[in-house]
Every structure is written in structure tokens, then in C-alpha cells.
Amino acid sequence: MLLSSGITASPHAFLPKAVSAPSRRGVRCSVASVPAKFDLKTYWEDLIKEINQKLNEAIPVQYPQQIYEAMRYSVLAKGAKRAPPVMCVAACELFGGNRLSAFPTACALEMVHSASLIHDDLPCMDDDPSRRGQPSNHTVFGEDMAILAGDALFPLGFKHIVSHTPADLVHETQLLRVIAEIARAVGSTGMAAGQLIDLEGRPNAVDFVQEKKFGEMGQCSAVCGGLLAGAADDEIQYLRNYGGAVGILYQVVDDILEANAKETTEGESKRKNKSYVSVYGVDKAMEVAEDLRSQAKGELAKLDKYGDRVIPLYSFVDYAADRGFSFAPE
């Protein structure tokens, strides 16, 4: 593997197996794109509206008021794409699951995702003063309150799954697997591990950092949807491989777009993180993105027996690579 890591990653790494010379400006691969008849933007925006409403209901302001205001500030931030919960719902529906059974877990994924971003933005971590065009949580509420808000969102997510998932739609053993999956993704072998290695700045660690910081949430989102719908173990593995590739792909393309813009914004992170762009350059990062898109679609091809229900997941891959549309702030 050309882009090798000096650290042993998990047995399900989603990293390029081979890289060839770049020949295109855009992020393209030979795998067929989603049929034009499917409108991802409408599908995604409709789900965002439902998820936003449920998130608003899930985090009412209570005593002590300030911590709930800090939690709501990040979770309900305008411009949030809700990619983890939308992927969870789409994966659940792929296997014939009812989206009502997926919404509590989808909301929990957004809570966990928001908590991780709150903590990542802290001065002792990535030191980002802004997030999604708005001041970061700690910039508004202070570092102490931001830490507490993040700490509170993690367990609230688990509680929300247990208390709001319809018992007649999802068996408790499936819920236990979902909770275990989320805990694994955010813990010391998942996202936390990626953040640690990124902070340490170890050489040759970009593969590990990208997989853990960005691939884990994609894995978790897709897998949770499949678990809720009762997918078979081999199908869960396909979703894990797919979600991990999409998660890294999205971040790699973000880094490419930022590098091509050649602009240093006021809200740029003071601490530069490990990315394929920063380590290998834009051309190599474009090759990585092409390979990741191909990997993601290759995993979905194993699920083509489900027909049109797999199309939303295919379309997420193309969106991650091409950014074919933008979202209006809610």
C-alpha cells in the first residue's frame, strides 16, 4: 500500500490499496453514478426537517439552564447537514426497516457527533474558534461550559435511544448492539484514538488519523441503521466498509476544496491537522478520494439485490465526492 501507516489500525481499514497517476481535475471514478431520477437533495432536506424537529424536542431547556443552552447551540446549529442521522435512516430503510424505528438512534448519532465537535474545537484540541460559520461552543459559552455540554450530550444520546425507540419495532437485543456500536466508535479505540494520535503529530499516521477521526462516524451511522432493521452479519460488514470509506472521502474532499480555494479564513484552525492534502499534496489526495469512492460503491454493489432502496446510499457517495448541491440553512 503506497500510503502506509506506521500504526496498526483496525482490521477494517478503509484506506487506498493502490494509487495511480492523477489524470483528472475532479474527483471521478469508473463506478456508475446514481440514476438521475433519484433526488437526493429533496430526500435529504425532508429528513433534515424531521430530524431537526425531533432534536429540538429531545433537548428542552431545563435547570440548570446554561448547560442546556450550550447543548442546543451546537446540536441545533443552522447549516448542519445531519449526515450521520440521514445515513442511519437510509441504511435502516435499505433493509425494509421503518424510519420511525431509526429516528431515536439518528438523533443520538447527531448528539454524539455534536459532542465530539464541541470537544474537538477546544483550544487544547484542534483550537477552532468557529464551526459551520458560527462561533464555536467554547467561544460563546466558555471552555468549562463547552466541556460540560459535550459530556452531557454523550449519555443523553444513549438515553434517547433506550427511551424513545418503539419496542414493537426494534428488539432490545438490537438496541444493545446499537449502543455498543456507538460506544465503540467514540471511545478509546475509535474517534478518541484518532484525536490523540492527531494531537501527538506522529509521523506516518495520516491513515490512522483519517480512519478514526472521520471514518468511524460513517461506519457507526451505516451500521446502526442496518442493526435496527435486522440486517445479516455479512450485510453489516458491507455497511461498515461502506460507511468508513464515505466518512473519510467526505473529509478528504473537504481538504481538497479548502486547499484549492487558497484562502486563509479568519476562523481557520490554529493547529493544522493531519490530512492527505497536508501530508501528500492535492494530487495525491485526489487519487485517494477516487479510490475511496470506488471502494464505497464496491461495497454497495454487494447489496444490489435490494433494488432501488440502495440508491440513497449510492447517492451519498457521489455527493461526498462532487458536492453537487448546497443546503439552505434551516
Protein backbone atom coordinates (compact mmCIF):
# COMPACT_ATOMS: atom_id res chain seq x y z
CA MET A 1 0.00 0.00 0.00
CA LEU A 2 1.57 3.26 -1.08
CA LEU A 3 0.04 5.38 1.67
CA SER A 4 1.08 3.18 4.56
CA SER A 5 0.73 3.97 8.24
CA GLY A 6 3.27 3.38 10.94
CA ILE A 7 0.44 2.48 13.33
CA THR A 8 -1.63 -0.68 13.25
CA ALA A 9 -5.20 0.28 12.51
CA SER A 10 -8.34 -1.77 12.97
CA PRO A 11 -8.84 -4.88 10.81
CA HIS A 12 -11.47 -2.99 8.80
CA ALA A 13 -9.40 -0.09 7.47
CA PHE A 14 -10.84 1.96 4.62
CA LEU A 15 -7.66 3.16 3.04
CA PRO A 16 -6.44 3.18 -0.55
CA LYS A 17 -4.99 -0.11 -1.72
CA ALA A 18 -3.28 1.33 -4.79
CA VAL A 19 -2.74 4.76 -6.28
CA SER A 20 -2.23 5.64 -9.91
CA ALA A 21 -1.12 8.84 -11.58
CA PRO A 22 -3.74 11.61 -11.45
CA SER A 23 -5.42 12.28 -14.77
CA ARG A 24 -8.45 14.42 -13.90
CA ARG A 25 -9.25 17.69 -12.18
CA GLY A 26 -12.38 16.45 -10.44
CA VAL A 27 -12.92 13.51 -8.15
CA ARG A 28 -14.12 10.80 -10.53
CA CYS A 29 -14.08 7.03 -10.77
CA SER A 30 -15.33 4.43 -13.18
CA VAL A 31 -18.20 3.21 -10.98
CA ALA A 32 -21.60 4.24 -12.33
CA SER A 33 -23.36 7.16 -10.67
CA VAL A 34 -26.88 7.19 -9.24
CA PRO A 35 -29.72 7.41 -11.76
CA ALA A 36 -30.85 11.00 -12.28
CA LYS A 37 -34.44 10.15 -11.29
CA PHE A 38 -33.50 10.00 -7.60
CA ASP A 39 -33.50 13.46 -6.00
CA LEU A 40 -31.04 13.23 -3.12
CA LYS A 41 -31.42 16.90 -2.21
CA THR A 42 -35.16 16.58 -1.60
CA TYR A 43 -34.74 13.26 0.21
CA TRP A 44 -32.01 14.71 2.44
CA GLU A 45 -33.74 18.03 3.16
CA ASP A 46 -37.01 16.30 4.08
CA LEU A 47 -35.14 14.15 6.58
CA ILE A 48 -33.28 17.17 7.96
CA LYS A 49 -36.60 18.84 8.77
CA GLU A 50 -37.87 15.77 10.61
CA ILE A 51 -34.60 15.23 12.46
CA ASN A 52 -34.32 18.89 13.46
CA GLN A 53 -37.80 18.82 14.94
CA LYS A 54 -37.05 15.68 16.92
CA LEU A 55 -33.73 17.07 18.16
CA ASN A 56 -35.45 20.25 19.30
CA GLU A 57 -37.94 18.15 21.29
CA ALA A 58 -35.17 15.93 22.68
CA ILE A 59 -33.21 18.76 24.33
CA PRO A 60 -35.69 21.07 26.11
CA VAL A 61 -34.22 23.83 28.27
CA GLN A 62 -34.30 22.77 31.91
CA TYR A 63 -32.45 23.61 35.11
CA PRO A 64 -29.56 24.37 35.07
CA GLN A 65 -30.46 26.41 32.01
CA GLN A 66 -26.98 27.33 30.82
CA ILE A 67 -25.84 23.79 30.07
CA TYR A 68 -28.96 23.08 28.01
CA GLU A 69 -28.49 26.31 26.08
CA ALA A 70 -24.91 25.27 25.28
CA MET A 71 -26.05 21.81 24.19
CA ARG A 72 -28.80 23.22 21.98
CA TYR A 73 -26.45 25.81 20.48
CA SER A 74 -24.32 23.11 18.86
CA VAL A 75 -26.90 20.40 18.20
CA LEU A 76 -29.42 22.77 16.61
CA ALA A 77 -26.85 24.91 14.77
CA LYS A 78 -28.05 26.26 11.44
CA GLY A 79 -26.43 24.71 8.41
CA ALA A 80 -25.91 21.27 9.95
CA LYS A 81 -26.23 18.67 7.19
CA ARG A 82 -27.22 15.84 9.57
CA ALA A 83 -25.18 13.37 7.54
CA PRO A 84 -24.83 10.72 10.31
CA PRO A 85 -28.57 10.53 11.10
CA VAL A 86 -29.59 10.63 7.43
CA MET A 87 -27.20 7.79 6.62
CA CYS A 88 -28.60 5.82 9.56
CA VAL A 89 -32.17 6.23 8.33
CA ALA A 90 -31.23 5.33 4.75
CA ALA A 91 -29.41 2.18 5.89
CA CYS A 92 -32.39 1.14 8.01
CA GLU A 93 -34.80 1.63 5.12
CA LEU A 94 -32.49 -0.32 2.81
CA PHE A 95 -33.39 -3.50 4.69
CA GLY A 96 -37.09 -2.68 4.92
CA GLY A 97 -36.94 -1.04 8.35
CA ASN A 98 -39.39 1.64 9.44
CA ARG A 99 -37.75 5.06 9.73
CA LEU A 100 -39.72 5.63 12.95
CA SER A 101 -37.55 2.93 14.49
CA ALA A 102 -34.40 4.72 13.30
CA PHE A 103 -35.16 8.29 14.36
CA PRO A 104 -34.15 7.91 18.04
CA THR A 105 -30.78 6.44 17.07
CA ALA A 106 -30.42 9.02 14.30
CA CYS A 107 -30.91 11.80 16.86
CA ALA A 108 -28.46 10.12 19.23
CA LEU A 109 -25.85 10.00 16.46
CA GLU A 110 -26.24 13.73 15.94
CA MET A 111 -25.90 14.36 19.68
CA VAL A 112 -22.72 12.27 19.80
CA HIS A 113 -21.40 13.90 16.65
CA SER A 114 -22.07 17.39 18.04
CA ALA A 115 -20.40 16.47 21.34
CA SER A 116 -17.28 15.31 19.51
CA LEU A 117 -17.15 18.56 17.52
CA ILE A 118 -17.56 20.67 20.66
CA HIS A 119 -14.60 18.91 22.24
CA ASP A 120 -12.52 18.89 19.04
CA ASP A 121 -12.87 22.67 18.75
CA LEU A 122 -11.46 23.33 22.23
CA PRO A 123 -8.17 25.26 22.47
CA CYS A 124 -6.47 22.19 23.95
CA MET A 125 -7.57 20.10 20.97
CA ASP A 126 -7.92 21.46 17.40
CA ASP A 127 -8.29 25.06 18.63
CA ASP A 128 -11.07 26.11 16.25
CA PRO A 129 -12.80 29.40 17.12
CA SER A 130 -15.65 28.76 14.63
CA ARG A 131 -17.82 25.91 13.41
CA ARG A 132 -20.19 25.99 10.40
CA GLY A 133 -19.65 29.73 10.04
CA GLN A 134 -20.60 30.45 13.65
CA PRO A 135 -18.50 30.88 16.80
CA SER A 136 -17.56 27.55 18.37
CA ASN A 137 -19.32 26.47 21.53
CA HIS A 138 -16.44 27.41 23.81
CA THR A 139 -16.15 30.82 22.14
CA VAL A 140 -19.73 31.60 23.17
CA PHE A 141 -20.13 29.75 26.46
CA GLY A 142 -16.57 29.34 27.69
CA GLU A 143 -14.32 26.29 27.79
CA ASP A 144 -15.77 24.96 31.04
CA MET A 145 -19.36 25.01 29.79
CA ALA A 146 -18.36 23.58 26.39
CA ILE A 147 -16.70 20.60 28.09
CA LEU A 148 -19.79 20.01 30.22
CA ALA A 149 -22.15 20.37 27.25
CA GLY A 150 -20.19 17.76 25.32
CA ASP A 151 -20.04 15.49 28.35
CA ALA A 152 -23.82 15.75 28.76
CA LEU A 153 -24.63 15.05 25.11
CA PHE A 154 -22.88 11.68 25.01
CA PRO A 155 -25.04 9.97 27.67
CA LEU A 156 -28.15 11.84 26.53
CA GLY A 157 -27.78 10.11 23.17
CA PHE A 158 -27.76 6.67 24.77
CA LYS A 159 -30.71 7.56 26.98
CA HIS A 160 -32.65 8.80 23.98
CA ILE A 161 -32.20 5.51 22.14
CA VAL A 162 -33.44 3.47 25.10
CA SER A 163 -36.37 5.71 25.99
CA HIS A 164 -37.69 6.60 22.52
CA THR A 165 -37.16 3.58 20.26
CA PRO A 166 -40.53 1.82 19.70
CA ALA A 167 -40.39 -1.55 21.45
CA ASP A 168 -42.75 -3.06 18.89
CA LEU A 169 -40.37 -2.22 16.05
CA VAL A 170 -36.92 -2.97 17.48
CA HIS A 171 -35.97 -5.85 19.79
CA GLU A 172 -33.92 -4.96 22.86
CA THR A 173 -31.01 -7.12 21.69
CA GLN A 174 -30.79 -4.97 18.56
CA LEU A 175 -30.74 -1.84 20.71
CA LEU A 176 -27.91 -3.25 22.80
CA ARG A 177 -25.86 -3.82 19.65
CA VAL A 178 -26.60 -0.25 18.50
CA ILE A 179 -25.49 1.21 21.84
CA ALA A 180 -22.35 -0.92 21.82
CA GLU A 181 -21.57 0.22 18.27
CA ILE A 182 -21.82 3.90 19.15
CA ALA A 183 -19.75 3.43 22.30
CA ARG A 184 -17.06 1.67 20.27
CA ALA A 185 -16.99 4.38 17.64
CA VAL A 186 -16.49 7.30 20.04
CA GLY A 187 -14.23 5.52 22.54
CA SER A 188 -10.56 4.83 23.07
CA THR A 189 -10.29 2.55 20.03
CA GLY A 190 -12.32 4.89 17.81
CA MET A 191 -12.62 8.65 17.47
CA ALA A 192 -10.76 9.37 20.71
CA ALA A 193 -7.81 7.34 19.45
CA GLY A 194 -7.72 9.32 16.22
CA GLN A 195 -7.79 12.63 18.07
CA LEU A 196 -4.95 11.52 20.35
CA ILE A 197 -2.66 10.47 17.52
CA ASP A 198 -3.51 13.67 15.64
CA LEU A 199 -2.57 15.76 18.67
CA GLU A 200 0.71 13.88 19.12
CA GLY A 201 1.65 14.54 15.50
CA ARG A 202 3.22 11.13 14.97
CA PRO A 203 4.89 10.67 11.57
CA ASN A 204 3.26 8.39 9.01
CA ALA A 205 -0.03 8.38 10.98
CA VAL A 206 -2.33 10.08 8.47
CA ASP A 207 -4.11 6.83 7.54
CA PHE A 208 -4.89 6.03 11.15
CA VAL A 209 -5.98 9.58 11.98
CA GLN A 210 -8.30 9.83 8.99
CA GLU A 211 -9.87 6.43 9.61
CA LYS A 212 -10.51 7.07 13.29
CA LYS A 213 -11.46 10.75 13.28
CA PHE A 214 -13.68 10.64 10.20
CA GLY A 215 -14.26 7.03 9.14
CA GLU A 216 -15.62 5.86 12.48
CA MET A 217 -18.72 8.08 12.45
CA GLY A 218 -19.54 6.95 8.92
CA GLN A 219 -19.12 3.31 9.92
CA CYS A 220 -21.25 3.74 13.00
CA SER A 221 -24.06 5.60 11.20
CA ALA A 222 -24.46 3.00 8.47
CA VAL A 223 -24.07 0.03 10.79
CA CYS A 224 -26.62 1.31 13.32
CA GLY A 225 -29.22 1.64 10.58
CA GLY A 226 -28.60 -1.92 9.48
CA LEU A 227 -28.72 -3.25 13.04
CA LEU A 228 -32.07 -1.57 13.68
CA ALA A 229 -33.53 -3.24 10.59
CA GLY A 230 -32.13 -6.68 11.43
CA ALA A 231 -29.53 -6.92 8.66
CA ALA A 232 -27.44 -10.08 8.49
CA ASP A 233 -23.88 -10.07 9.81
CA ASP A 234 -22.29 -10.05 6.35
CA GLU A 235 -24.53 -7.14 5.36
CA ILE A 236 -23.47 -5.26 8.49
CA GLN A 237 -19.85 -5.70 7.40
CA TYR A 238 -20.63 -4.30 3.94
CA LEU A 239 -22.23 -1.27 5.63
CA ARG A 240 -19.22 -0.87 7.91
CA ASN A 241 -16.82 -0.85 4.99
CA TYR A 242 -19.09 1.48 3.03
CA GLY A 243 -19.62 3.97 5.85
CA GLY A 244 -15.95 4.13 6.71
CA ALA A 245 -14.98 4.88 3.12
CA VAL A 246 -17.65 7.59 2.78
CA GLY A 247 -16.65 9.23 6.05
CA ILE A 248 -13.02 9.55 5.01
CA LEU A 249 -13.99 10.53 1.45
CA TYR A 250 -16.08 13.44 2.71
CA GLN A 251 -13.20 14.82 4.75
CA VAL A 252 -10.59 14.30 2.00
CA VAL A 253 -12.76 16.27 -0.45
CA ASP A 254 -13.26 19.00 2.17
CA ASP A 255 -9.47 19.28 2.47
CA ILE A 256 -9.05 19.38 -1.31
CA LEU A 257 -11.65 22.13 -1.70
CA GLU A 258 -10.06 24.15 1.09
CA ALA A 259 -6.61 23.81 -0.46
CA ASN A 260 -7.87 24.77 -3.94
CA ALA A 261 -9.59 27.85 -2.57
CA LYS A 262 -6.16 29.13 -1.49
CA GLU A 263 -7.72 31.36 1.09
CA THR A 264 -6.96 31.58 4.80
CA THR A 265 -10.17 32.42 6.60
CA GLU A 266 -10.41 34.18 9.92
CA GLY A 267 -11.89 31.07 11.52
CA GLU A 268 -9.20 28.68 10.34
CA SER A 269 -7.84 26.27 12.93
CA LYS A 270 -4.58 27.39 14.53
CA ARG A 271 -3.40 23.80 14.77
CA LYS A 272 -3.03 22.09 11.39
CA ASN A 273 -4.27 18.51 11.49
CA LYS A 274 -3.03 15.51 9.58
CA SER A 275 -4.77 15.17 6.23
CA TYR A 276 -3.84 13.61 2.90
CA VAL A 277 -3.57 17.13 1.47
CA SER A 278 -1.21 18.39 4.16
CA VAL A 279 0.96 15.26 4.07
CA TYR A 280 0.96 14.27 0.37
CA GLY A 281 -0.47 17.24 -1.54
CA VAL A 282 -3.66 17.84 -3.54
CA ASP A 283 -2.88 15.50 -6.44
CA LYS A 284 -2.32 12.52 -4.17
CA ALA A 285 -5.39 13.40 -2.12
CA MET A 286 -7.47 13.39 -5.31
CA GLU A 287 -6.25 9.88 -6.04
CA VAL A 288 -7.18 8.81 -2.52
CA ALA A 289 -10.67 10.28 -2.99
CA GLU A 290 -11.17 8.41 -6.26
CA ASP A 291 -10.17 5.14 -4.64
CA LEU A 292 -12.43 5.72 -1.64
CA ARG A 293 -15.42 6.40 -3.88
CA SER A 294 -14.72 3.19 -5.77
CA GLN A 295 -14.38 1.24 -2.51
CA ALA A 296 -17.68 2.60 -1.14
CA LYS A 297 -19.62 1.74 -4.28
CA GLY A 298 -17.99 -1.66 -4.44
CA GLU A 299 -19.40 -2.47 -1.00
CA LEU A 300 -22.87 -1.29 -2.03
CA ALA A 301 -22.75 -3.48 -5.13
CA LYS A 302 -22.96 -6.45 -2.75
CA LEU A 303 -26.35 -5.12 -1.65
CA ASP A 304 -27.81 -4.50 -5.11
CA LYS A 305 -30.35 -7.27 -4.54
CA TYR A 306 -32.36 -4.71 -2.55
CA GLY A 307 -33.02 -2.74 -5.73
CA ASP A 308 -33.94 0.93 -5.55
CA ARG A 309 -33.68 1.00 -1.76
CA VAL A 310 -29.89 1.10 -2.07
CA ILE A 311 -29.94 4.21 -4.28
CA PRO A 312 -29.82 6.78 -1.43
CA LEU A 313 -26.61 5.21 -0.12
CA TYR A 314 -25.07 5.27 -3.61
CA SER A 315 -26.03 8.91 -3.94
CA PHE A 316 -24.31 9.83 -0.68
CA VAL A 317 -21.04 8.65 -2.21
CA ASP A 318 -21.44 10.92 -5.23
CA TYR A 319 -22.40 13.86 -3.04
CA ALA A 320 -19.36 13.33 -0.81
CA ALA A 321 -17.12 13.42 -3.89
CA ASP A 322 -18.85 16.00 -6.11
CA ARG A 323 -20.83 18.31 -3.74
CA GLY A 324 -23.44 18.66 -6.46
CA PHE A 325 -25.75 20.89 -4.43
CA SER A 326 -25.85 23.00 -1.27
CA PHE A 327 -28.29 23.13 1.61
CA ALA A 328 -30.29 26.17 2.65
CA PRO A 329 -29.82 26.94 6.37
CA GLU A 330 -32.72 25.72 8.49
